[in-house]
Amino acid sequence: MNAYPGTVDRPLTHDPQKQAPMTSSTSEPSGSATPDVTTIGANASRQNRTREMQLIPEALARAHMHERLREADSERRAQRLATARRMQRRAERASLRARRALAMAVMQ
C-alpha cells in the first residue's frame, strides 16, 4: 500500500514542504545512468508548478463553455428568424385572401 496518500495529478496538499519527497524507483538498478532525485530537487520541481499551469484545465473548460453558449445563442437567433419569416409569409397569405374576399364582395 502507498505510504503517501494522493497522486502527482491530485496531491493531498499543494504545499511542496508537506508533500512526500520524490525517490528513485526500487526496480531501477543501483548503478543506473539516472541520478537519484533529492528532496531539494523534488521541492524545486514541485514549486515550478505555477498557478497558471494548475488553472489551464479550468480555463479550457471556461473557453469551451463560452463557445457552447455562443453557439446556442446563435442557434436561438436563427430559430427566431426562421419563425419570424414563417409568420410573415402566413400573414401575407392571409392578407391576400382578405383582399380577394373583399374584391369578390365588391364585384357582386
PDB file of N, CA and C in Angstrom:
ATOM      1  N   MET A   1       0.841  -1.180   0.000  1.00  0.00           N
ATOM      2  CA  MET A   1       0.000   0.000   0.000  1.00  0.00           C
ATOM      3  C   MET A   1       0.885   1.242   0.000  1.00  0.00           C
ATOM      4  N   ASN A   2       0.427   2.299  -0.658  1.00  0.00           N
ATOM      5  CA  ASN A   2       1.187   3.536  -0.768  1.00  0.00           C
ATOM      6  C   ASN A   2       1.248   4.231   0.584  1.00  0.00           C
ATOM      7  N   ALA A   3       2.440   4.589   1.015  1.00  0.00           N
ATOM      8  CA  ALA A   3       2.611   5.235   2.317  1.00  0.00           C
ATOM      9  C   ALA A   3       2.177   6.693   2.266  1.00  0.00           C
ATOM     10  N   TYR A   4       2.181   7.295   1.069  1.00  0.00           N
ATOM     11  CA  TYR A   4       1.828   8.710   0.928  1.00  0.00           C
ATOM     12  C   TYR A   4       0.533   8.829   0.143  1.00  0.00           C
ATOM     13  N   PRO A   5      -0.557   9.283   0.770  1.00  0.00           N
ATOM     14  CA  PRO A   5      -1.817   9.423   0.031  1.00  0.00           C
ATOM     15  C   PRO A   5      -1.720  10.547  -0.996  1.00  0.00           C
ATOM     16  N   GLY A   6      -2.538  10.468  -2.021  1.00  0.00           N
ATOM     17  CA  GLY A   6      -2.528  11.467  -3.082  1.00  0.00           C
ATOM     18  C   GLY A   6      -1.673  10.994  -4.246  1.00  0.00           C
ATOM     19  N   THR A   7      -1.853  11.637  -5.395  1.00  0.00           N
ATOM     20  CA  THR A   7      -1.082  11.299  -6.589  1.00  0.00           C
ATOM     21  C   THR A   7      -0.402  12.557  -7.104  1.00  0.00           C
ATOM     22  N   VAL A   8       0.370  12.406  -8.178  1.00  0.00           N
ATOM     23  CA  VAL A   8       1.032  13.559  -8.767  1.00  0.00           C
ATOM     24  C   VAL A   8      -0.019  14.521  -9.323  1.00  0.00           C
ATOM     25  N   ASP A   9      -1.042  13.973  -9.981  1.00  0.00           N
ATOM     26  CA  ASP A   9      -2.091  14.819 -10.555  1.00  0.00           C
ATOM     27  C   ASP A   9      -2.991  15.431  -9.491  1.00  0.00           C
ATOM     28  N   ARG A  10      -3.252  14.683  -8.432  1.00  0.00           N
ATOM     29  CA  ARG A  10      -4.116  15.167  -7.356  1.00  0.00           C
ATOM     30  C   ARG A  10      -3.398  14.998  -6.014  1.00  0.00           C
ATOM     31  N   PRO A  11      -2.462  15.888  -5.720  1.00  0.00           N
ATOM     32  CA  PRO A  11      -1.734  15.736  -4.458  1.00  0.00           C
ATOM     33  C   PRO A  11      -2.634  16.004  -3.262  1.00  0.00           C
ATOM     34  N   LEU A  12      -2.267  15.397  -2.146  1.00  0.00           N
ATOM     35  CA  LEU A  12      -3.020  15.604  -0.920  1.00  0.00           C
ATOM     36  C   LEU A  12      -2.968  17.067  -0.517  1.00  0.00           C
ATOM     37  N   THR A  13      -1.849  17.695  -0.736  1.00  0.00           N
ATOM     38  CA  THR A  13      -1.682  19.119  -0.439  1.00  0.00           C
ATOM     39  C   THR A  13      -0.883  19.767  -1.551  1.00  0.00           C
ATOM     40  N   HIS A  14      -1.064  21.043  -1.761  1.00  0.00           N
ATOM     41  CA  HIS A  14      -0.303  21.751  -2.787  1.00  0.00           C
ATOM     42  C   HIS A  14       0.946  22.415  -2.212  1.00  0.00           C
ATOM     43  N   ASP A  15       1.140  22.295  -0.910  1.00  0.00           N
ATOM     44  CA  ASP A  15       2.317  22.866  -0.271  1.00  0.00           C
ATOM     45  C   ASP A  15       3.503  21.926  -0.486  1.00  0.00           C
ATOM     46  N   PRO A  16       4.549  22.373  -1.209  1.00  0.00           N
ATOM     47  CA  PRO A  16       5.678  21.479  -1.503  1.00  0.00           C
ATOM     48  C   PRO A  16       6.387  20.964  -0.257  1.00  0.00           C
ATOM     49  N   GLN A  17       6.382  21.753   0.819  1.00  0.00           N
ATOM     50  CA  GLN A  17       7.074  21.331   2.034  1.00  0.00           C
ATOM     51  C   GLN A  17       6.370  20.159   2.704  1.00  0.00           C
ATOM     52  N   LYS A  18       5.055  20.028   2.501  1.00  0.00           N
ATOM     53  CA  LYS A  18       4.291  18.964   3.160  1.00  0.00           C
ATOM     54  C   LYS A  18       4.152  17.716   2.294  1.00  0.00           C
ATOM     55  N   GLN A  19       4.604  17.782   1.035  1.00  0.00           N
ATOM     56  CA  GLN A  19       4.491  16.633   0.147  1.00  0.00           C
ATOM     57  C   GLN A  19       5.660  15.682   0.360  1.00  0.00           C
ATOM     58  N   ALA A  20       5.439  14.431   0.012  1.00  0.00           N
ATOM     59  CA  ALA A  20       6.480  13.410   0.161  1.00  0.00           C
ATOM     60  C   ALA A  20       7.593  13.668  -0.838  1.00  0.00           C
ATOM     61  N   PRO A  21       8.830  13.446  -0.452  1.00  0.00           N
ATOM     62  CA  PRO A  21       9.928  13.648  -1.405  1.00  0.00           C
ATOM     63  C   PRO A  21       9.895  12.590  -2.493  1.00  0.00           C
ATOM     64  N   MET A  22      10.375  12.967  -3.671  1.00  0.00           N
ATOM     65  CA  MET A  22      10.433  12.020  -4.786  1.00  0.00           C
ATOM     66  C   MET A  22      11.655  11.137  -4.589  1.00  0.00           C
ATOM     67  N   THR A  23      11.495   9.854  -4.796  1.00  0.00           N
ATOM     68  CA  THR A  23      12.615   8.925  -4.666  1.00  0.00           C
ATOM     69  C   THR A  23      12.727   8.117  -5.936  1.00  0.00           C
ATOM     70  N   SER A  24      13.879   7.514  -6.152  1.00  0.00           N
ATOM     71  CA  SER A  24      14.064   6.710  -7.347  1.00  0.00           C
ATOM     72  C   SER A  24      13.307   5.394  -7.192  1.00  0.00           C
ATOM     73  N   SER A  25      13.020   4.778  -8.311  1.00  0.00           N
ATOM     74  CA  SER A  25      12.273   3.531  -8.332  1.00  0.00           C
ATOM     75  C   SER A  25      13.091   2.401  -7.720  1.00  0.00           C
ATOM     76  N   THR A  26      12.420   1.484  -7.016  1.00  0.00           N
ATOM     77  CA  THR A  26      13.122   0.341  -6.429  1.00  0.00           C
ATOM     78  C   THR A  26      13.498  -0.679  -7.492  1.00  0.00           C
ATOM     79  N   SER A  27      12.772  -0.675  -8.630  1.00  0.00           N
ATOM     80  CA  SER A  27      13.079  -1.625  -9.694  1.00  0.00           C
ATOM     81  C   SER A  27      14.263  -1.170 -10.533  1.00  0.00           C
ATOM     82  N   GLU A  28      14.691   0.070 -10.351  1.00  0.00           N
ATOM     83  CA  GLU A  28      15.797   0.610 -11.111  1.00  0.00           C
ATOM     84  C   GLU A  28      17.114   0.120 -10.516  1.00  0.00           C
ATOM     85  N   PRO A  29      18.053  -0.328 -11.345  1.00  0.00           N
ATOM     86  CA  PRO A  29      19.332  -0.799 -10.793  1.00  0.00           C
ATOM     87  C   PRO A  29      20.076   0.340 -10.100  1.00  0.00           C
ATOM     88  N   SER A  30      20.871  -0.015  -9.113  1.00  0.00           N
ATOM     89  CA  SER A  30      21.549   0.999  -8.309  1.00  0.00           C
ATOM     90  C   SER A  30      22.604   1.761  -9.102  1.00  0.00           C
ATOM     91  N   GLY A  31      23.187   1.158 -10.106  1.00  0.00           N
ATOM     92  CA  GLY A  31      24.224   1.827 -10.889  1.00  0.00           C
ATOM     93  C   GLY A  31      23.686   2.406 -12.181  1.00  0.00           C
ATOM     94  N   SER A  32      22.448   2.810 -12.213  1.00  0.00           N
ATOM     95  CA  SER A  32      21.850   3.293 -13.457  1.00  0.00           C
ATOM     96  C   SER A  32      22.389   4.667 -13.819  1.00  0.00           C
ATOM     97  N   ALA A  33      22.111   5.066 -15.058  1.00  0.00           N
ATOM     98  CA  ALA A  33      22.622   6.346 -15.555  1.00  0.00           C
ATOM     99  C   ALA A  33      21.843   7.517 -14.976  1.00  0.00           C
ATOM    100  N   THR A  34      20.633   7.282 -14.495  1.00  0.00           N
ATOM    101  CA  THR A  34      19.845   8.393 -13.945  1.00  0.00           C
ATOM    102  C   THR A  34      20.241   8.621 -12.501  1.00  0.00           C
ATOM    103  N   PRO A  35      20.543   9.854 -12.144  1.00  0.00           N
ATOM    104  CA  PRO A  35      20.943  10.130 -10.760  1.00  0.00           C
ATOM    105  C   PRO A  35      19.738  10.070  -9.829  1.00  0.00           C
ATOM    106  N   ASP A  36      20.004   9.830  -8.550  1.00  0.00           N
ATOM    107  CA  ASP A  36      18.935   9.829  -7.567  1.00  0.00           C
ATOM    108  C   ASP A  36      18.359  11.235  -7.434  1.00  0.00           C
ATOM    109  N   VAL A  37      17.057  11.293  -7.250  1.00  0.00           N
ATOM    110  CA  VAL A  37      16.385  12.580  -7.096  1.00  0.00           C
ATOM    111  C   VAL A  37      16.412  12.943  -5.621  1.00  0.00           C
ATOM    112  N   THR A  38      16.878  14.111  -5.324  1.00  0.00           N
ATOM    113  CA  THR A  38      16.978  14.529  -3.932  1.00  0.00           C
ATOM    114  C   THR A  38      15.720  15.278  -3.518  1.00  0.00           C
ATOM    115  N   THR A  39      15.570  15.475  -2.236  1.00  0.00           N
ATOM    116  CA  THR A  39      14.434  16.219  -1.714  1.00  0.00           C
ATOM    117  C   THR A  39      14.457  17.654  -2.213  1.00  0.00           C
ATOM    118  N   ILE A  40      15.619  18.247  -2.334  1.00  0.00           N
ATOM    119  CA  ILE A  40      15.728  19.632  -2.814  1.00  0.00           C
ATOM    120  C   ILE A  40      15.228  19.713  -4.250  1.00  0.00           C
ATOM    121  N   GLY A  41      15.649  18.767  -5.083  1.00  0.00           N
ATOM    122  CA  GLY A  41      15.198  18.750  -6.470  1.00  0.00           C
ATOM    123  C   GLY A  41      13.697  18.539  -6.577  1.00  0.00           C
ATOM    124  N   ALA A  42      13.153  17.679  -5.710  1.00  0.00           N
ATOM    125  CA  ALA A  42      11.719  17.406  -5.740  1.00  0.00           C
ATOM    126  C   ALA A  42      10.940  18.653  -5.367  1.00  0.00           C
ATOM    127  N   ASN A  43      11.381  19.335  -4.316  1.00  0.00           N
ATOM    128  CA  ASN A  43      10.674  20.549  -3.905  1.00  0.00           C
ATOM    129  C   ASN A  43      10.775  21.633  -4.970  1.00  0.00           C
ATOM    130  N   ALA A  44      11.943  21.746  -5.594  1.00  0.00           N
ATOM    131  CA  ALA A  44      12.111  22.750  -6.643  1.00  0.00           C
ATOM    132  C   ALA A  44      11.195  22.435  -7.823  1.00  0.00           C
ATOM    133  N   SER A  45      11.107  21.155  -8.197  1.00  0.00           N
ATOM    134  CA  SER A  45      10.248  20.808  -9.322  1.00  0.00           C
ATOM    135  C   SER A  45       8.778  21.016  -8.967  1.00  0.00           C
ATOM    136  N   ARG A  46       8.417  20.760  -7.717  1.00  0.00           N
ATOM    137  CA  ARG A  46       7.028  20.988  -7.307  1.00  0.00           C
ATOM    138  C   ARG A  46       6.701  22.474  -7.294  1.00  0.00           C
ATOM    139  N   GLN A  47       7.679  23.293  -6.922  1.00  0.00           N
ATOM    140  CA  GLN A  47       7.438  24.730  -6.895  1.00  0.00           C
ATOM    141  C   GLN A  47       7.354  25.307  -8.295  1.00  0.00           C
ATOM    142  N   ASN A  48       7.848  24.568  -9.293  1.00  0.00           N
ATOM    143  CA  ASN A  48       7.732  25.033 -10.675  1.00  0.00           C
ATOM    144  C   ASN A  48       6.309  24.922 -11.205  1.00  0.00           C
ATOM    145  N   ARG A  49       5.477  24.176 -10.516  1.00  0.00           N
ATOM    146  CA  ARG A  49       4.070  24.107 -10.931  1.00  0.00           C
ATOM    147  C   ARG A  49       3.422  25.441 -10.561  1.00  0.00           C
ATOM    148  N   THR A  50       3.262  26.279 -11.534  1.00  0.00           N
ATOM    149  CA  THR A  50       2.721  27.601 -11.245  1.00  0.00           C
ATOM    150  C   THR A  50       1.206  27.552 -11.186  1.00  0.00           C
ATOM    151  N   ARG A  51       0.650  28.619 -10.667  1.00  0.00           N
ATOM    152  CA  ARG A  51      -0.810  28.729 -10.584  1.00  0.00           C
ATOM    153  C   ARG A  51      -1.427  28.673 -11.974  1.00  0.00           C
ATOM    154  N   GLU A  52      -0.767  29.298 -12.956  1.00  0.00           N
ATOM    155  CA  GLU A  52      -1.305  29.281 -14.322  1.00  0.00           C
ATOM    156  C   GLU A  52      -1.388  27.854 -14.854  1.00  0.00           C
ATOM    157  N   MET A  53      -0.371  27.049 -14.576  1.00  0.00           N
ATOM    158  CA  MET A  53      -0.369  25.660 -15.026  1.00  0.00           C
ATOM    159  C   MET A  53      -1.525  24.890 -14.398  1.00  0.00           C
ATOM    160  N   GLN A  54      -1.780  25.155 -13.130  1.00  0.00           N
ATOM    161  CA  GLN A  54      -2.848  24.435 -12.442  1.00  0.00           C
ATOM    162  C   GLN A  54      -4.218  24.887 -12.915  1.00  0.00           C
ATOM    163  N   LEU A  55      -4.322  26.112 -13.444  1.00  0.00           N
ATOM    164  CA  LEU A  55      -5.614  26.639 -13.875  1.00  0.00           C
ATOM    165  C   LEU A  55      -5.883  26.430 -15.357  1.00  0.00           C
ATOM    166  N   ILE A  56      -4.953  25.814 -16.085  1.00  0.00           N
ATOM    167  CA  ILE A  56      -5.162  25.588 -17.516  1.00  0.00           C
ATOM    168  C   ILE A  56      -6.430  24.772 -17.795  1.00  0.00           C
ATOM    169  N   PRO A  57      -6.672  23.643 -17.113  1.00  0.00           N
ATOM    170  CA  PRO A  57      -7.905  22.896 -17.402  1.00  0.00           C
ATOM    171  C   PRO A  57      -9.160  23.718 -17.141  1.00  0.00           C
ATOM    172  N   GLU A  58      -9.137  24.533 -16.102  1.00  0.00           N
ATOM    173  CA  GLU A  58     -10.290  25.380 -15.801  1.00  0.00           C
ATOM    174  C   GLU A  58     -10.500  26.417 -16.905  1.00  0.00           C
ATOM    175  N   ALA A  59      -9.404  27.006 -17.391  1.00  0.00           N
ATOM    176  CA  ALA A  59      -9.509  27.990 -18.468  1.00  0.00           C
ATOM    177  C   ALA A  59     -10.018  27.333 -19.751  1.00  0.00           C
ATOM    178  N   LEU A  60      -9.562  26.120 -20.033  1.00  0.00           N
ATOM    179  CA  LEU A  60     -10.055  25.405 -21.217  1.00  0.00           C
ATOM    180  C   LEU A  60     -11.539  25.107 -21.096  1.00  0.00           C
ATOM    181  N   ALA A  61     -11.954  24.681 -19.912  1.00  0.00           N
ATOM    182  CA  ALA A  61     -13.377  24.394 -19.700  1.00  0.00           C
ATOM    183  C   ALA A  61     -14.207  25.666 -19.846  1.00  0.00           C
ATOM    184  N   ARG A  62     -13.679  26.778 -19.328  1.00  0.00           N
ATOM    185  CA  ARG A  62     -14.404  28.051 -19.434  1.00  0.00           C
ATOM    186  C   ARG A  62     -14.529  28.471 -20.896  1.00  0.00           C
ATOM    187  N   ALA A  63     -13.453  28.326 -21.678  1.00  0.00           N
ATOM    188  CA  ALA A  63     -13.490  28.673 -23.097  1.00  0.00           C
ATOM    189  C   ALA A  63     -14.459  27.767 -23.851  1.00  0.00           C
ATOM    190  N   HIS A  64     -14.449  26.483 -23.497  1.00  0.00           N
ATOM    191  CA  HIS A  64     -15.361  25.529 -24.131  1.00  0.00           C
ATOM    192  C   HIS A  64     -16.815  25.908 -23.848  1.00  0.00           C
ATOM    193  N   MET A  65     -17.112  26.228 -22.579  1.00  0.00           N
ATOM    194  CA  MET A  65     -18.478  26.613 -22.208  1.00  0.00           C
ATOM    195  C   MET A  65     -18.873  27.917 -22.909  1.00  0.00           C
ATOM    196  N   HIS A  66     -17.946  28.859 -23.018  1.00  0.00           N
ATOM    197  CA  HIS A  66     -18.241  30.122 -23.698  1.00  0.00           C
ATOM    198  C   HIS A  66     -18.600  29.857 -25.152  1.00  0.00           C
ATOM    199  N   GLU A  67     -17.839  28.969 -25.789  1.00  0.00           N
ATOM    200  CA  GLU A  67     -18.114  28.621 -27.188  1.00  0.00           C
ATOM    201  C   GLU A  67     -19.477  27.950 -27.333  1.00  0.00           C
ATOM    202  N   ARG A  68     -19.798  27.034 -26.403  1.00  0.00           N
ATOM    203  CA  ARG A  68     -21.108  26.362 -26.459  1.00  0.00           C
ATOM    204  C   ARG A  68     -22.252  27.356 -26.251  1.00  0.00           C
ATOM    205  N   LEU A  69     -22.077  28.296 -25.328  1.00  0.00           N
ATOM    206  CA  LEU A  69     -23.107  29.311 -25.094  1.00  0.00           C
ATOM    207  C   LEU A  69     -23.282  30.197 -26.328  1.00  0.00           C
ATOM    208  N   ARG A  70     -22.167  30.549 -26.962  1.00  0.00           N
ATOM    209  CA  ARG A  70     -22.244  31.371 -28.176  1.00  0.00           C
ATOM    210  C   ARG A  70     -22.971  30.614 -29.288  1.00  0.00           C
ATOM    211  N   GLU A  71     -22.654  29.325 -29.439  1.00  0.00           N
ATOM    212  CA  GLU A  71     -23.343  28.512 -30.454  1.00  0.00           C
ATOM    213  C   GLU A  71     -24.835  28.413 -30.160  1.00  0.00           C
ATOM    214  N   ALA A  72     -25.180  28.203 -28.888  1.00  0.00           N
ATOM    215  CA  ALA A  72     -26.593  28.095 -28.513  1.00  0.00           C
ATOM    216  C   ALA A  72     -27.324  29.401 -28.789  1.00  0.00           C
ATOM    217  N   ASP A  73     -26.680  30.524 -28.474  1.00  0.00           N
ATOM    218  CA  ASP A  73     -27.291  31.824 -28.717  1.00  0.00           C
ATOM    219  C   ASP A  73     -27.497  32.044 -30.214  1.00  0.00           C
ATOM    220  N   SER A  74     -26.490  31.684 -31.003  1.00  0.00           N
ATOM    221  CA  SER A  74     -26.590  31.823 -32.454  1.00  0.00           C
ATOM    222  C   SER A  74     -27.723  30.948 -33.004  1.00  0.00           C
ATOM    223  N   GLU A  75     -27.829  29.739 -32.474  1.00  0.00           N
ATOM    224  CA  GLU A  75     -28.897  28.835 -32.914  1.00  0.00           C
ATOM    225  C   GLU A  75     -30.279  29.385 -32.548  1.00  0.00           C
ATOM    226  N   ARG A  76     -30.380  29.960 -31.339  1.00  0.00           N
ATOM    227  CA  ARG A  76     -31.661  30.560 -30.927  1.00  0.00           C
ATOM    228  C   ARG A  76     -32.043  31.722 -31.838  1.00  0.00           C
ATOM    229  N   ARG A  77     -31.043  32.567 -32.195  1.00  0.00           N
ATOM    230  CA  ARG A  77     -31.326  33.687 -33.098  1.00  0.00           C
ATOM    231  C   ARG A  77     -31.782  33.181 -34.464  1.00  0.00           C
ATOM    232  N   ALA A  78     -31.134  32.143 -34.965  1.00  0.00           N
ATOM    233  CA  ALA A  78     -31.512  31.577 -36.267  1.00  0.00           C
ATOM    234  C   ALA A  78     -32.928  31.003 -36.206  1.00  0.00           C
ATOM    235  N   GLN A  79     -33.255  30.345 -35.091  1.00  0.00           N
ATOM    236  CA  GLN A  79     -34.600  29.774 -34.925  1.00  0.00           C
ATOM    237  C   GLN A  79     -35.648  30.893 -34.887  1.00  0.00           C
ATOM    238  N   ARG A  80     -35.332  31.979 -34.153  1.00  0.00           N
ATOM    239  CA  ARG A  80     -36.277  33.112 -34.080  1.00  0.00           C
ATOM    240  C   ARG A  80     -36.482  33.738 -35.451  1.00  0.00           C
ATOM    241  N   LEU A  81     -35.406  33.875 -36.219  1.00  0.00           N
ATOM    242  CA  LEU A  81     -35.502  34.453 -37.559  1.00  0.00           C
ATOM    243  C   LEU A  81     -36.357  33.569 -38.467  1.00  0.00           C
ATOM    244  N   ALA A  82     -36.155  32.270 -38.411  1.00  0.00           N
ATOM    245  CA  ALA A  82     -36.947  31.342 -39.231  1.00  0.00           C
ATOM    246  C   ALA A  82     -38.423  31.419 -38.847  1.00  0.00           C
ATOM    247  N   THR A  83     -38.701  31.498 -37.549  1.00  0.00           N
ATOM    248  CA  THR A  83     -40.093  31.598 -37.086  1.00  0.00           C
ATOM    249  C   THR A  83     -40.713  32.911 -37.554  1.00  0.00           C
ATOM    250  N   ALA A  84     -39.955  34.006 -37.464  1.00  0.00           N
ATOM    251  CA  ALA A  84     -40.479  35.309 -37.897  1.00  0.00           C
ATOM    252  C   ALA A  84     -40.790  35.301 -39.392  1.00  0.00           C
ATOM    253  N   ARG A  85     -39.911  34.697 -40.187  1.00  0.00           N
ATOM    254  CA  ARG A  85     -40.162  34.635 -41.639  1.00  0.00           C
ATOM    255  C   ARG A  85     -41.393  33.791 -41.949  1.00  0.00           C
ATOM    256  N   ARG A  86     -41.533  32.679 -41.240  1.00  0.00           N
ATOM    257  CA  ARG A  86     -42.703  31.823 -41.439  1.00  0.00           C
ATOM    258  C   ARG A  86     -43.991  32.580 -41.115  1.00  0.00           C
ATOM    259  N   MET A  87     -43.981  33.305 -39.999  1.00  0.00           N
ATOM    260  CA  MET A  87     -45.165  34.065 -39.606  1.00  0.00           C
ATOM    261  C   MET A  87     -45.445  35.198 -40.592  1.00  0.00           C
ATOM    262  N   GLN A  88     -44.386  35.808 -41.131  1.00  0.00           N
ATOM    263  CA  GLN A  88     -44.570  36.878 -42.119  1.00  0.00           C
ATOM    264  C   GLN A  88     -45.235  36.328 -43.375  1.00  0.00           C
ATOM    265  N   ARG A  89     -44.778  35.165 -43.859  1.00  0.00           N
ATOM    266  CA  ARG A  89     -45.403  34.552 -45.043  1.00  0.00           C
ATOM    267  C   ARG A  89     -46.861  34.210 -44.780  1.00  0.00           C
ATOM    268  N   ARG A  90     -47.127  33.698 -43.590  1.00  0.00           N
ATOM    269  CA  ARG A  90     -48.504  33.353 -43.225  1.00  0.00           C
ATOM    270  C   ARG A  90     -49.383  34.608 -43.210  1.00  0.00           C
ATOM    271  N   ALA A  91     -48.871  35.714 -42.670  1.00  0.00           N
ATOM    272  CA  ALA A  91     -49.615  36.970 -42.621  1.00  0.00           C
ATOM    273  C   ALA A  91     -49.854  37.515 -44.032  1.00  0.00           C
ATOM    274  N   GLU A  92     -48.828  37.395 -44.917  1.00  0.00           N
ATOM    275  CA  GLU A  92     -49.001  37.863 -46.294  1.00  0.00           C
ATOM    276  C   GLU A  92     -50.074  37.055 -47.015  1.00  0.00           C
ATOM    277  N   ARG A  93     -50.098  35.729 -46.796  1.00  0.00           N
ATOM    278  CA  ARG A  93     -51.142  34.896 -47.433  1.00  0.00           C
ATOM    279  C   ARG A  93     -52.533  35.271 -46.904  1.00  0.00           C
ATOM    280  N   ALA A  94     -52.623  35.517 -45.596  1.00  0.00           N
ATOM    281  CA  ALA A  94     -53.910  35.912 -45.018  1.00  0.00           C
ATOM    282  C   ALA A  94     -54.354  37.265 -45.578  1.00  0.00           C
ATOM    283  N   SER A  95     -53.402  38.177 -45.779  1.00  0.00           N
ATOM    284  CA  SER A  95     -53.716  39.482 -46.340  1.00  0.00           C
ATOM    285  C   SER A  95     -54.242  39.337 -47.777  1.00  0.00           C
ATOM    286  N   LEU A  96     -53.591  38.478 -48.577  1.00  0.00           N
ATOM    287  CA  LEU A  96     -54.055  38.251 -49.948  1.00  0.00           C
ATOM    288  C   LEU A  96     -55.454  37.642 -49.973  1.00  0.00           C
ATOM    289  N   ARG A  97     -55.702  36.692 -49.062  1.00  0.00           N
ATOM    290  CA  ARG A  97     -57.048  36.087 -49.001  1.00  0.00           C
ATOM    291  C   ARG A  97     -58.095  37.143 -48.653  1.00  0.00           C
ATOM    292  N   ALA A  98     -57.758  38.013 -47.723  1.00  0.00           N
ATOM    293  CA  ALA A  98     -58.703  39.059 -47.323  1.00  0.00           C
ATOM    294  C   ALA A  98     -58.963  40.018 -48.480  1.00  0.00           C
ATOM    295  N   ARG A  99     -57.923  40.377 -49.246  1.00  0.00           N
ATOM    296  CA  ARG A  99     -58.109  41.250 -50.409  1.00  0.00           C
ATOM    297  C   ARG A  99     -59.016  40.610 -51.449  1.00  0.00           C
ATOM    298  N   ARG A 100     -58.750  39.318 -51.710  1.00  0.00           N
ATOM    299  CA  ARG A 100     -59.576  38.607 -52.697  1.00  0.00           C
ATOM    300  C   ARG A 100     -61.040  38.555 -52.243  1.00  0.00           C
ATOM    301  N   ALA A 101     -61.199  38.250 -50.963  1.00  0.00           N
ATOM    302  CA  ALA A 101     -62.574  38.182 -50.442  1.00  0.00           C
ATOM    303  C   ALA A 101     -63.265  39.533 -50.565  1.00  0.00           C
ATOM    304  N   LEU A 102     -62.548  40.618 -50.287  1.00  0.00           N
ATOM    305  CA  LEU A 102     -63.128  41.958 -50.398  1.00  0.00           C
ATOM    306  C   LEU A 102     -63.454  42.278 -51.856  1.00  0.00           C
ATOM    307  N   ALA A 103     -62.515  41.902 -52.766  1.00  0.00           N
ATOM    308  CA  ALA A 103     -62.772  42.149 -54.204  1.00  0.00           C
ATOM    309  C   ALA A 103     -63.965  41.366 -54.681  1.00  0.00           C
ATOM    310  N   MET A 104     -64.140  40.131 -54.227  1.00  0.00           N
ATOM    311  CA  MET A 104     -65.279  39.311 -54.629  1.00  0.00           C
ATOM    312  C   MET A 104     -66.564  39.924 -54.085  1.00  0.00           C
ATOM    313  N   ALA A 105     -66.508  40.432 -52.848  1.00  0.00           N
ATOM    314  CA  ALA A 105     -67.710  41.031 -52.265  1.00  0.00           C
ATOM    315  C   ALA A 105     -68.094  42.313 -53.006  1.00  0.00           C
ATOM    316  N   VAL A 106     -67.126  43.113 -53.429  1.00  0.00           N
ATOM    317  CA  VAL A 106     -67.418  44.354 -54.129  1.00  0.00           C
ATOM    318  C   VAL A 106     -67.962  44.060 -55.526  1.00  0.00           C
ATOM    319  N   MET A 107     -67.446  43.024 -56.199  1.00  0.00           N
ATOM    320  CA  MET A 107     -67.857  42.706 -57.568  1.00  0.00           C
ATOM    321  C   MET A 107     -69.304  42.187 -57.612  1.00  0.00           C
ATOM    322  N   GLN A 108     -69.812  41.605 -56.558  1.00  0.00           N
ATOM    323  CA  GLN A 108     -71.160  41.037 -56.617  1.00  0.00           C
ATOM    324  C   GLN A 108     -72.222  42.042 -56.331  1.00  0.00           C
TER     325      GLN A 108
END
